[in-house]
């Protein structure tokens, strides 16, 4: 009888790869990407008049853009998450 600790690697059972993390990472990437787009859009808008937030608004504008991006990604998204997830799985050697 063969010693099971000395089996060659090719005959040992392979552990199935799980890709549940790939979907989460892809969704997070889409959120960061959407947040960067929101930040650029907010910076290009003119902020003059009575309805500006002053220095408080400028301090928290980056956080607001990040949260806008997260909300976009949690909703319907931009369509990037599926492509990023497929690429992550492909790079990991999955199907």
PDB file of N, CA and C in Angstrom:
ATOM      1  N   UNK A   1       0.842  -1.183   0.000  1.00  0.00           N
ATOM      2  CA  UNK A   1       0.000   0.000   0.000  1.00  0.00           C
ATOM      3  C   UNK A   1       0.883   1.241   0.000  1.00  0.00           C
ATOM      4  N   UNK A   2       0.555   2.216  -0.840  1.00  0.00           N
ATOM      5  CA  UNK A   2       1.358   3.428  -0.989  1.00  0.00           C
ATOM      6  C   UNK A   2       1.106   4.390   0.164  1.00  0.00           C
ATOM      7  N   UNK A   3       2.135   5.074   0.545  1.00  0.00           N
ATOM      8  CA  UNK A   3       2.027   6.078   1.602  1.00  0.00           C
ATOM      9  C   UNK A   3       1.326   7.311   1.023  1.00  0.00           C
ATOM     10  N   UNK A   4       0.167   7.744   1.584  1.00  0.00           N
ATOM     11  CA  UNK A   4      -0.575   8.875   1.003  1.00  0.00           C
ATOM     12  C   UNK A   4       0.170  10.202   1.082  1.00  0.00           C
ATOM     13  N   UNK A   5       1.150  10.309   1.960  1.00  0.00           N
ATOM     14  CA  UNK A   5       1.898  11.578   2.036  1.00  0.00           C
ATOM     15  C   UNK A   5       2.928  11.696   0.942  1.00  0.00           C
ATOM     16  N   UNK A   6       3.236  10.586   0.265  1.00  0.00           N
ATOM     17  CA  UNK A   6       4.241  10.613  -0.792  1.00  0.00           C
ATOM     18  C   UNK A   6       3.638  10.528  -2.190  1.00  0.00           C
ATOM     19  N   UNK A   7       2.352  10.794  -2.328  1.00  0.00           N
ATOM     20  CA  UNK A   7       1.716  10.762  -3.639  1.00  0.00           C
ATOM     21  C   UNK A   7       2.224  11.907  -4.501  1.00  0.00           C
ATOM     22  N   UNK A   8       2.395  11.674  -5.782  1.00  0.00           N
ATOM     23  CA  UNK A   8       2.765  12.791  -6.663  1.00  0.00           C
ATOM     24  C   UNK A   8       1.638  13.819  -6.715  1.00  0.00           C
ATOM     25  N   UNK A   9       1.990  15.046  -7.000  1.00  0.00           N
ATOM     26  CA  UNK A   9       1.005  16.130  -7.018  1.00  0.00           C
ATOM     27  C   UNK A   9      -0.094  15.904  -8.048  1.00  0.00           C
ATOM     28  N   UNK A  10       0.213  15.248  -9.141  1.00  0.00           N
ATOM     29  CA  UNK A  10      -0.783  15.072 -10.201  1.00  0.00           C
ATOM     30  C   UNK A  10      -1.908  14.125  -9.788  1.00  0.00           C
ATOM     31  N   UNK A  11      -1.685  13.231  -8.825  1.00  0.00           N
ATOM     32  CA  UNK A  11      -2.735  12.301  -8.424  1.00  0.00           C
ATOM     33  C   UNK A  11      -3.498  12.778  -7.193  1.00  0.00           C
ATOM     34  N   UNK A  12      -3.030  13.820  -6.530  1.00  0.00           N
ATOM     35  CA  UNK A  12      -3.766  14.317  -5.370  1.00  0.00           C
ATOM     36  C   UNK A  12      -4.987  15.095  -5.853  1.00  0.00           C
ATOM     37  N   UNK A  13      -6.095  15.013  -5.112  1.00  0.00           N
ATOM     38  CA  UNK A  13      -7.313  15.698  -5.559  1.00  0.00           C
ATOM     39  C   UNK A  13      -7.114  17.214  -5.552  1.00  0.00           C
ATOM     40  N   UNK A  14      -7.607  17.855  -6.594  1.00  0.00           N
ATOM     41  CA  UNK A  14      -7.476  19.304  -6.715  1.00  0.00           C
ATOM     42  C   UNK A  14      -8.598  19.985  -5.959  1.00  0.00           C
ATOM     43  N   UNK A  15      -8.268  21.063  -5.282  1.00  0.00           N
ATOM     44  CA  UNK A  15      -9.273  21.854  -4.575  1.00  0.00           C
ATOM     45  C   UNK A  15      -9.946  22.776  -5.582  1.00  0.00           C
ATOM     46  N   UNK A  16     -11.278  22.803  -5.594  1.00  0.00           N
ATOM     47  CA  UNK A  16     -11.951  23.708  -6.536  1.00  0.00           C
ATOM     48  C   UNK A  16     -11.713  25.155  -6.141  1.00  0.00           C
ATOM     49  N   UNK A  17     -11.515  25.986  -7.139  1.00  0.00           N
ATOM     50  CA  UNK A  17     -11.323  27.407  -6.879  1.00  0.00           C
ATOM     51  C   UNK A  17     -12.675  28.078  -6.728  1.00  0.00           C
ATOM     52  N   UNK A  18     -12.774  28.909  -5.723  1.00  0.00           N
ATOM     53  CA  UNK A  18     -14.005  29.665  -5.544  1.00  0.00           C
ATOM     54  C   UNK A  18     -13.755  31.088  -6.007  1.00  0.00           C
ATOM     55  N   UNK A  19     -14.710  31.655  -6.696  1.00  0.00           N
ATOM     56  CA  UNK A  19     -14.568  32.991  -7.255  1.00  0.00           C
ATOM     57  C   UNK A  19     -15.557  33.970  -6.648  1.00  0.00           C
ATOM     58  N   UNK A  20     -16.019  33.676  -5.427  1.00  0.00           N
ATOM     59  CA  UNK A  20     -16.958  34.592  -4.802  1.00  0.00           C
ATOM     60  C   UNK A  20     -16.296  35.928  -4.485  1.00  0.00           C
ATOM     61  N   UNK A  21     -14.991  35.897  -4.215  1.00  0.00           N
ATOM     62  CA  UNK A  21     -14.266  37.126  -3.940  1.00  0.00           C
ATOM     63  C   UNK A  21     -14.061  37.971  -5.177  1.00  0.00           C
ATOM     64  N   UNK A  22     -14.017  37.345  -6.335  1.00  0.00           N
ATOM     65  CA  UNK A  22     -13.799  38.087  -7.573  1.00  0.00           C
ATOM     66  C   UNK A  22     -14.949  39.052  -7.844  1.00  0.00           C
ATOM     67  N   UNK A  23     -16.160  38.637  -7.571  1.00  0.00           N
ATOM     68  CA  UNK A  23     -17.315  39.512  -7.794  1.00  0.00           C
ATOM     69  C   UNK A  23     -17.269  40.718  -6.859  1.00  0.00           C
ATOM     70  N   UNK A  24     -16.882  40.478  -5.616  1.00  0.00           N
ATOM     71  CA  UNK A  24     -16.803  41.573  -4.639  1.00  0.00           C
ATOM     72  C   UNK A  24     -15.716  42.571  -5.030  1.00  0.00           C
ATOM     73  N   UNK A  25     -14.563  42.057  -5.410  1.00  0.00           N
ATOM     74  CA  UNK A  25     -13.452  42.931  -5.807  1.00  0.00           C
ATOM     75  C   UNK A  25     -13.829  43.720  -7.058  1.00  0.00           C
ATOM     76  N   UNK A  26     -14.488  43.080  -8.000  1.00  0.00           N
ATOM     77  CA  UNK A  26     -14.899  43.766  -9.231  1.00  0.00           C
ATOM     78  C   UNK A  26     -15.897  44.877  -8.921  1.00  0.00           C
ATOM     79  N   UNK A  27     -16.825  44.614  -8.011  1.00  0.00           N
ATOM     80  CA  UNK A  27     -17.817  45.635  -7.636  1.00  0.00           C
ATOM     81  C   UNK A  27     -17.133  46.798  -6.914  1.00  0.00           C
ATOM     82  N   UNK A  28     -16.166  46.497  -6.048  1.00  0.00           N
ATOM     83  CA  UNK A  28     -15.424  47.555  -5.358  1.00  0.00           C
ATOM     84  C   UNK A  28     -14.615  48.393  -6.338  1.00  0.00           C
ATOM     85  N   UNK A  29     -14.006  47.729  -7.321  1.00  0.00           N
ATOM     86  CA  UNK A  29     -13.255  48.457  -8.348  1.00  0.00           C
ATOM     87  C   UNK A  29     -14.178  49.409  -9.096  1.00  0.00           C
ATOM     88  N   UNK A  30     -15.358  48.924  -9.447  1.00  0.00           N
ATOM     89  CA  UNK A  30     -16.307  49.774 -10.163  1.00  0.00           C
ATOM     90  C   UNK A  30     -16.715  50.969  -9.304  1.00  0.00           C
ATOM     91  N   UNK A  31     -16.863  50.757  -7.993  1.00  0.00           N
ATOM     92  CA  UNK A  31     -17.193  51.852  -7.086  1.00  0.00           C
ATOM     93  C   UNK A  31     -16.100  52.908  -7.031  1.00  0.00           C
ATOM     94  N   UNK A  32     -14.849  52.474  -6.970  1.00  0.00           N
ATOM     95  CA  UNK A  32     -13.726  53.417  -6.951  1.00  0.00           C
ATOM     96  C   UNK A  32     -13.665  54.181  -8.271  1.00  0.00           C
ATOM     97  N   UNK A  33     -13.847  53.467  -9.368  1.00  0.00           N
ATOM     98  CA  UNK A  33     -13.817  54.103 -10.685  1.00  0.00           C
ATOM     99  C   UNK A  33     -14.930  55.140 -10.807  1.00  0.00           C
ATOM    100  N   UNK A  34     -16.137  54.782 -10.402  1.00  0.00           N
ATOM    101  CA  UNK A  34     -17.265  55.715 -10.474  1.00  0.00           C
ATOM    102  C   UNK A  34     -17.031  56.906  -9.546  1.00  0.00           C
ATOM    103  N   UNK A  35     -16.415  56.662  -8.393  1.00  0.00           N
ATOM    104  CA  UNK A  35     -16.099  57.754  -7.477  1.00  0.00           C
ATOM    105  C   UNK A  35     -15.111  58.739  -8.075  1.00  0.00           C
ATOM    106  N   UNK A  36     -14.126  58.222  -8.811  1.00  0.00           N
ATOM    107  CA  UNK A  36     -13.162  59.106  -9.467  1.00  0.00           C
ATOM    108  C   UNK A  36     -13.838  59.937 -10.558  1.00  0.00           C
ATOM    109  N   UNK A  37     -14.760  59.321 -11.275  1.00  0.00           N
ATOM    110  CA  UNK A  37     -15.510  60.075 -12.294  1.00  0.00           C
ATOM    111  C   UNK A  37     -16.344  61.168 -11.627  1.00  0.00           C
ATOM    112  N   UNK A  38     -17.015  60.827 -10.511  1.00  0.00           N
ATOM    113  CA  UNK A  38     -17.822  61.813  -9.789  1.00  0.00           C
ATOM    114  C   UNK A  38     -16.952  62.953  -9.271  1.00  0.00           C
ATOM    115  N   UNK A  39     -15.763  62.633  -8.790  1.00  0.00           N
ATOM    116  CA  UNK A  39     -14.850  63.664  -8.275  1.00  0.00           C
ATOM    117  C   UNK A  39     -14.445  64.627  -9.385  1.00  0.00           C
ATOM    118  N   UNK A  40     -14.110  64.090 -10.552  1.00  0.00           N
ATOM    119  CA  UNK A  40     -13.732  64.948 -11.685  1.00  0.00           C
ATOM    120  C   UNK A  40     -14.907  65.821 -12.110  1.00  0.00           C
ATOM    121  N   UNK A  41     -16.109  65.247 -12.128  1.00  0.00           N
ATOM    122  CA  UNK A  41     -17.291  66.023 -12.506  1.00  0.00           C
ATOM    123  C   UNK A  41     -17.557  67.135 -11.496  1.00  0.00           C
ATOM    124  N   UNK A  42     -17.393  66.832 -10.204  1.00  0.00           N
ATOM    125  CA  UNK A  42     -17.641  67.843  -9.176  1.00  0.00           C
ATOM    126  C   UNK A  42     -16.598  68.962  -9.230  1.00  0.00           C
ATOM    127  N   UNK A  43     -15.363  68.622  -9.565  1.00  0.00           N
ATOM    128  CA  UNK A  43     -14.320  69.641  -9.664  1.00  0.00           C
ATOM    129  C   UNK A  43     -14.535  70.558 -10.859  1.00  0.00           C
ATOM    130  N   UNK A  44     -15.173  70.046 -11.904  1.00  0.00           N
ATOM    131  CA  UNK A  44     -15.361  70.865 -13.097  1.00  0.00           C
ATOM    132  C   UNK A  44     -16.590  71.770 -12.999  1.00  0.00           C
ATOM    133  N   UNK A  45     -17.445  71.551 -12.012  1.00  0.00           N
ATOM    134  CA  UNK A  45     -18.637  72.389 -11.849  1.00  0.00           C
ATOM    135  C   UNK A  45     -18.252  73.708 -11.178  1.00  0.00           C
ATOM    136  N   UNK A  46     -18.838  74.800 -11.657  1.00  0.00           N
ATOM    137  CA  UNK A  46     -18.571  76.107 -11.058  1.00  0.00           C
ATOM    138  C   UNK A  46     -19.286  76.215  -9.728  1.00  0.00           C
ATOM    139  N   UNK A  47     -18.544  76.659  -8.714  1.00  0.00           N
ATOM    140  CA  UNK A  47     -19.105  76.784  -7.376  1.00  0.00           C
ATOM    141  C   UNK A  47     -19.120  78.255  -6.962  1.00  0.00           C
ATOM    142  N   UNK A  48     -20.100  78.989  -7.455  1.00  0.00           N
ATOM    143  CA  UNK A  48     -20.216  80.382  -7.050  1.00  0.00           C
ATOM    144  C   UNK A  48     -21.666  80.665  -6.694  1.00  0.00           C
ATOM    145  N   UNK A  49     -21.902  81.720  -6.000  1.00  0.00           N
ATOM    146  CA  UNK A  49     -23.256  82.076  -5.633  1.00  0.00           C
ATOM    147  C   UNK A  49     -23.559  81.752  -4.183  1.00  0.00           C
ATOM    148  N   UNK A  50     -24.844  81.819  -3.852  1.00  0.00           N
ATOM    149  CA  UNK A  50     -25.277  81.646  -2.471  1.00  0.00           C
ATOM    150  C   UNK A  50     -25.387  80.192  -2.035  1.00  0.00           C
ATOM    151  N   UNK A  51     -25.333  79.265  -2.946  1.00  0.00           N
ATOM    152  CA  UNK A  51     -25.584  77.875  -2.599  1.00  0.00           C
ATOM    153  C   UNK A  51     -24.324  77.019  -2.532  1.00  0.00           C
ATOM    154  N   UNK A  52     -23.201  77.643  -2.266  1.00  0.00           N
ATOM    155  CA  UNK A  52     -21.972  76.869  -2.094  1.00  0.00           C
ATOM    156  C   UNK A  52     -21.823  76.507  -0.631  1.00  0.00           C
ATOM    157  N   UNK A  53     -21.068  75.447  -0.366  1.00  0.00           N
ATOM    158  CA  UNK A  53     -20.875  74.993   1.005  1.00  0.00           C
ATOM    159  C   UNK A  53     -19.659  75.581   1.673  1.00  0.00           C
ATOM    160  N   UNK A  54     -18.941  76.423   1.001  1.00  0.00           N
ATOM    161  CA  UNK A  54     -17.770  77.051   1.580  1.00  0.00           C
ATOM    162  C   UNK A  54     -16.636  76.065   1.801  1.00  0.00           C
ATOM    163  N   UNK A  55     -15.859  76.317   2.858  1.00  0.00           N
ATOM    164  CA  UNK A  55     -14.695  75.472   3.127  1.00  0.00           C
ATOM    165  C   UNK A  55     -15.111  74.080   3.594  1.00  0.00           C
ATOM    166  N   UNK A  56     -16.260  73.969   4.247  1.00  0.00           N
ATOM    167  CA  UNK A  56     -16.743  72.653   4.676  1.00  0.00           C
ATOM    168  C   UNK A  56     -17.038  71.747   3.501  1.00  0.00           C
ATOM    169  N   UNK A  57     -17.627  72.313   2.490  1.00  0.00           N
ATOM    170  CA  UNK A  57     -17.923  71.521   1.295  1.00  0.00           C
ATOM    171  C   UNK A  57     -16.640  71.071   0.609  1.00  0.00           C
ATOM    172  N   UNK A  58     -15.682  71.959   0.512  1.00  0.00           N
ATOM    173  CA  UNK A  58     -14.443  71.589  -0.165  1.00  0.00           C
ATOM    174  C   UNK A  58     -13.682  70.525   0.618  1.00  0.00           C
ATOM    175  N   UNK A  59     -13.818  70.531   1.956  1.00  0.00           N
ATOM    176  CA  UNK A  59     -13.154  69.508   2.767  1.00  0.00           C
ATOM    177  C   UNK A  59     -13.734  68.121   2.526  1.00  0.00           C
ATOM    178  N   UNK A  60     -15.031  68.032   2.402  1.00  0.00           N
ATOM    179  CA  UNK A  60     -15.697  66.736   2.311  1.00  0.00           C
ATOM    180  C   UNK A  60     -16.110  66.346   0.895  1.00  0.00           C
ATOM    181  N   UNK A  61     -15.697  67.110  -0.081  1.00  0.00           N
ATOM    182  CA  UNK A  61     -16.072  66.815  -1.463  1.00  0.00           C
ATOM    183  C   UNK A  61     -15.535  65.455  -1.925  1.00  0.00           C
ATOM    184  N   UNK A  62     -14.321  65.096  -1.542  1.00  0.00           N
ATOM    185  CA  UNK A  62     -13.740  63.806  -1.904  1.00  0.00           C
ATOM    186  C   UNK A  62     -14.510  62.641  -1.307  1.00  0.00           C
ATOM    187  N   UNK A  63     -14.943  62.802  -0.048  1.00  0.00           N
ATOM    188  CA  UNK A  63     -15.733  61.746   0.602  1.00  0.00           C
ATOM    189  C   UNK A  63     -17.088  61.613  -0.075  1.00  0.00           C
ATOM    190  N   UNK A  64     -17.686  62.734  -0.430  1.00  0.00           N
ATOM    191  CA  UNK A  64     -18.967  62.703  -1.134  1.00  0.00           C
ATOM    192  C   UNK A  64     -18.832  61.994  -2.476  1.00  0.00           C
ATOM    193  N   UNK A  65     -17.779  62.289  -3.212  1.00  0.00           N
ATOM    194  CA  UNK A  65     -17.563  61.636  -4.507  1.00  0.00           C
ATOM    195  C   UNK A  65     -17.362  60.137  -4.325  1.00  0.00           C
ATOM    196  N   UNK A  66     -16.638  59.744  -3.284  1.00  0.00           N
ATOM    197  CA  UNK A  66     -16.427  58.317  -3.002  1.00  0.00           C
ATOM    198  C   UNK A  66     -17.746  57.613  -2.704  1.00  0.00           C
ATOM    199  N   UNK A  67     -18.593  58.247  -1.907  1.00  0.00           N
ATOM    200  CA  UNK A  67     -19.883  57.646  -1.564  1.00  0.00           C
ATOM    201  C   UNK A  67     -20.830  57.595  -2.767  1.00  0.00           C
ATOM    202  N   UNK A  68     -20.763  58.598  -3.611  1.00  0.00           N
ATOM    203  CA  UNK A  68     -21.556  58.574  -4.844  1.00  0.00           C
ATOM    204  C   UNK A  68     -21.130  57.390  -5.704  1.00  0.00           C
ATOM    205  N   UNK A  69     -19.827  57.180  -5.812  1.00  0.00           N
ATOM    206  CA  UNK A  69     -19.308  56.045  -6.571  1.00  0.00           C
ATOM    207  C   UNK A  69     -19.748  54.714  -5.998  1.00  0.00           C
ATOM    208  N   UNK A  70     -19.730  54.590  -4.677  1.00  0.00           N
ATOM    209  CA  UNK A  70     -20.182  53.347  -4.036  1.00  0.00           C
ATOM    210  C   UNK A  70     -21.661  53.095  -4.304  1.00  0.00           C
ATOM    211  N   UNK A  71     -22.468  54.131  -4.258  1.00  0.00           N
ATOM    212  CA  UNK A  71     -23.901  53.972  -4.517  1.00  0.00           C
ATOM    213  C   UNK A  71     -24.166  53.591  -5.970  1.00  0.00           C
ATOM    214  N   UNK A  72     -23.400  54.159  -6.873  1.00  0.00           N
ATOM    215  CA  UNK A  72     -23.543  53.790  -8.283  1.00  0.00           C
ATOM    216  C   UNK A  72     -23.222  52.313  -8.464  1.00  0.00           C
ATOM    217  N   UNK A  73     -22.133  51.853  -7.839  1.00  0.00           N
ATOM    218  CA  UNK A  73     -21.712  50.453  -7.978  1.00  0.00           C
ATOM    219  C   UNK A  73     -22.695  49.495  -7.322  1.00  0.00           C
ATOM    220  N   UNK A  74     -23.328  49.889  -6.221  1.00  0.00           N
ATOM    221  CA  UNK A  74     -24.297  49.021  -5.562  1.00  0.00           C
ATOM    222  C   UNK A  74     -25.599  48.931  -6.341  1.00  0.00           C
ATOM    223  N   UNK A  75     -25.884  49.936  -7.126  1.00  0.00           N
ATOM    224  CA  UNK A  75     -27.087  49.923  -7.946  1.00  0.00           C
ATOM    225  C   UNK A  75     -26.836  49.159  -9.238  1.00  0.00           C
ATOM    226  N   UNK A  76     -27.226  49.736 -10.326  1.00  0.00           N
ATOM    227  CA  UNK A  76     -27.032  49.094 -11.630  1.00  0.00           C
ATOM    228  C   UNK A  76     -25.595  49.177 -12.098  1.00  0.00           C
ATOM    229  N   UNK A  77     -24.839  50.109 -11.562  1.00  0.00           N
ATOM    230  CA  UNK A  77     -23.428  50.231 -11.917  1.00  0.00           C
ATOM    231  C   UNK A  77     -23.226  50.822 -13.293  1.00  0.00           C
ATOM    232  N   UNK A  78     -21.977  50.775 -13.708  1.00  0.00           N
ATOM    233  CA  UNK A  78     -21.596  51.295 -15.021  1.00  0.00           C
ATOM    234  C   UNK A  78     -21.403  50.187 -16.044  1.00  0.00           C
ATOM    235  N   UNK A  79     -21.464  48.950 -15.602  1.00  0.00           N
ATOM    236  CA  UNK A  79     -21.250  47.814 -16.492  1.00  0.00           C
ATOM    237  C   UNK A  79     -19.818  47.316 -16.500  1.00  0.00           C
ATOM    238  N   UNK A  80     -18.980  47.844 -15.628  1.00  0.00           N
ATOM    239  CA  UNK A  80     -17.585  47.427 -15.585  1.00  0.00           C
ATOM    240  C   UNK A  80     -17.364  46.177 -14.751  1.00  0.00           C
ATOM    241  N   UNK A  81     -18.179  45.973 -13.736  1.00  0.00           N
ATOM    242  CA  UNK A  81     -17.934  44.888 -12.772  1.00  0.00           C
ATOM    243  C   UNK A  81     -17.922  43.518 -13.437  1.00  0.00           C
ATOM    244  N   UNK A  82     -18.810  43.269 -14.355  1.00  0.00           N
ATOM    245  CA  UNK A  82     -18.860  41.957 -15.010  1.00  0.00           C
ATOM    246  C   UNK A  82     -17.595  41.700 -15.819  1.00  0.00           C
ATOM    247  N   UNK A  83     -17.131  42.697 -16.535  1.00  0.00           N
ATOM    248  CA  UNK A  83     -15.920  42.534 -17.336  1.00  0.00           C
ATOM    249  C   UNK A  83     -14.685  42.369 -16.449  1.00  0.00           C
ATOM    250  N   UNK A  84     -14.621  43.135 -15.357  1.00  0.00           N
ATOM    251  CA  UNK A  84     -13.489  43.027 -14.435  1.00  0.00           C
ATOM    252  C   UNK A  84     -13.494  41.669 -13.750  1.00  0.00           C
ATOM    253  N   UNK A  85     -14.671  41.214 -13.331  1.00  0.00           N
ATOM    254  CA  UNK A  85     -14.779  39.893 -12.689  1.00  0.00           C
ATOM    255  C   UNK A  85     -14.321  38.790 -13.634  1.00  0.00           C
ATOM    256  N   UNK A  86     -14.740  38.842 -14.875  1.00  0.00           N
ATOM    257  CA  UNK A  86     -14.326  37.827 -15.853  1.00  0.00           C
ATOM    258  C   UNK A  86     -12.817  37.841 -16.053  1.00  0.00           C
ATOM    259  N   UNK A  87     -12.238  39.030 -16.066  1.00  0.00           N
ATOM    260  CA  UNK A  87     -10.792  39.143 -16.238  1.00  0.00           C
ATOM    261  C   UNK A  87     -10.052  38.600 -15.012  1.00  0.00           C
ATOM    262  N   UNK A  88     -10.556  38.864 -13.808  1.00  0.00           N
ATOM    263  CA  UNK A  88      -9.943  38.342 -12.589  1.00  0.00           C
ATOM    264  C   UNK A  88      -9.959  36.812 -12.601  1.00  0.00           C
ATOM    265  N   UNK A  89     -11.104  36.244 -12.950  1.00  0.00           N
ATOM    266  CA  UNK A  89     -11.234  34.788 -12.985  1.00  0.00           C
ATOM    267  C   UNK A  89     -10.311  34.208 -14.037  1.00  0.00           C
ATOM    268  N   UNK A  90     -10.228  34.857 -15.193  1.00  0.00           N
ATOM    269  CA  UNK A  90      -9.344  34.367 -16.256  1.00  0.00           C
ATOM    270  C   UNK A  90      -7.881  34.410 -15.815  1.00  0.00           C
ATOM    271  N   UNK A  91      -7.489  35.469 -15.121  1.00  0.00           N
ATOM    272  CA  UNK A  91      -6.110  35.588 -14.657  1.00  0.00           C
ATOM    273  C   UNK A  91      -5.784  34.569 -13.572  1.00  0.00           C
ATOM    274  N   UNK A  92      -6.797  34.133 -12.832  1.00  0.00           N
ATOM    275  CA  UNK A  92      -6.592  33.128 -11.791  1.00  0.00           C
ATOM    276  C   UNK A  92      -6.586  31.724 -12.376  1.00  0.00           C
ATOM    277  N   UNK A  93      -6.826  31.605 -13.652  1.00  0.00           N
ATOM    278  CA  UNK A  93      -6.826  30.303 -14.307  1.00  0.00           C
ATOM    279  C   UNK A  93      -8.168  29.609 -14.272  1.00  0.00           C
ATOM    280  N   UNK A  94      -9.220  30.352 -13.998  1.00  0.00           N
ATOM    281  CA  UNK A  94     -10.565  29.779 -13.961  1.00  0.00           C
ATOM    282  C   UNK A  94     -11.196  29.713 -15.325  1.00  0.00           C
ATOM    283  N   UNK A  95     -12.418  29.296 -15.338  1.00  0.00           N
ATOM    284  CA  UNK A  95     -13.155  29.146 -16.596  1.00  0.00           C
ATOM    285  C   UNK A  95     -13.936  30.413 -16.881  1.00  0.00           C
TER     286      UNK A  95
END
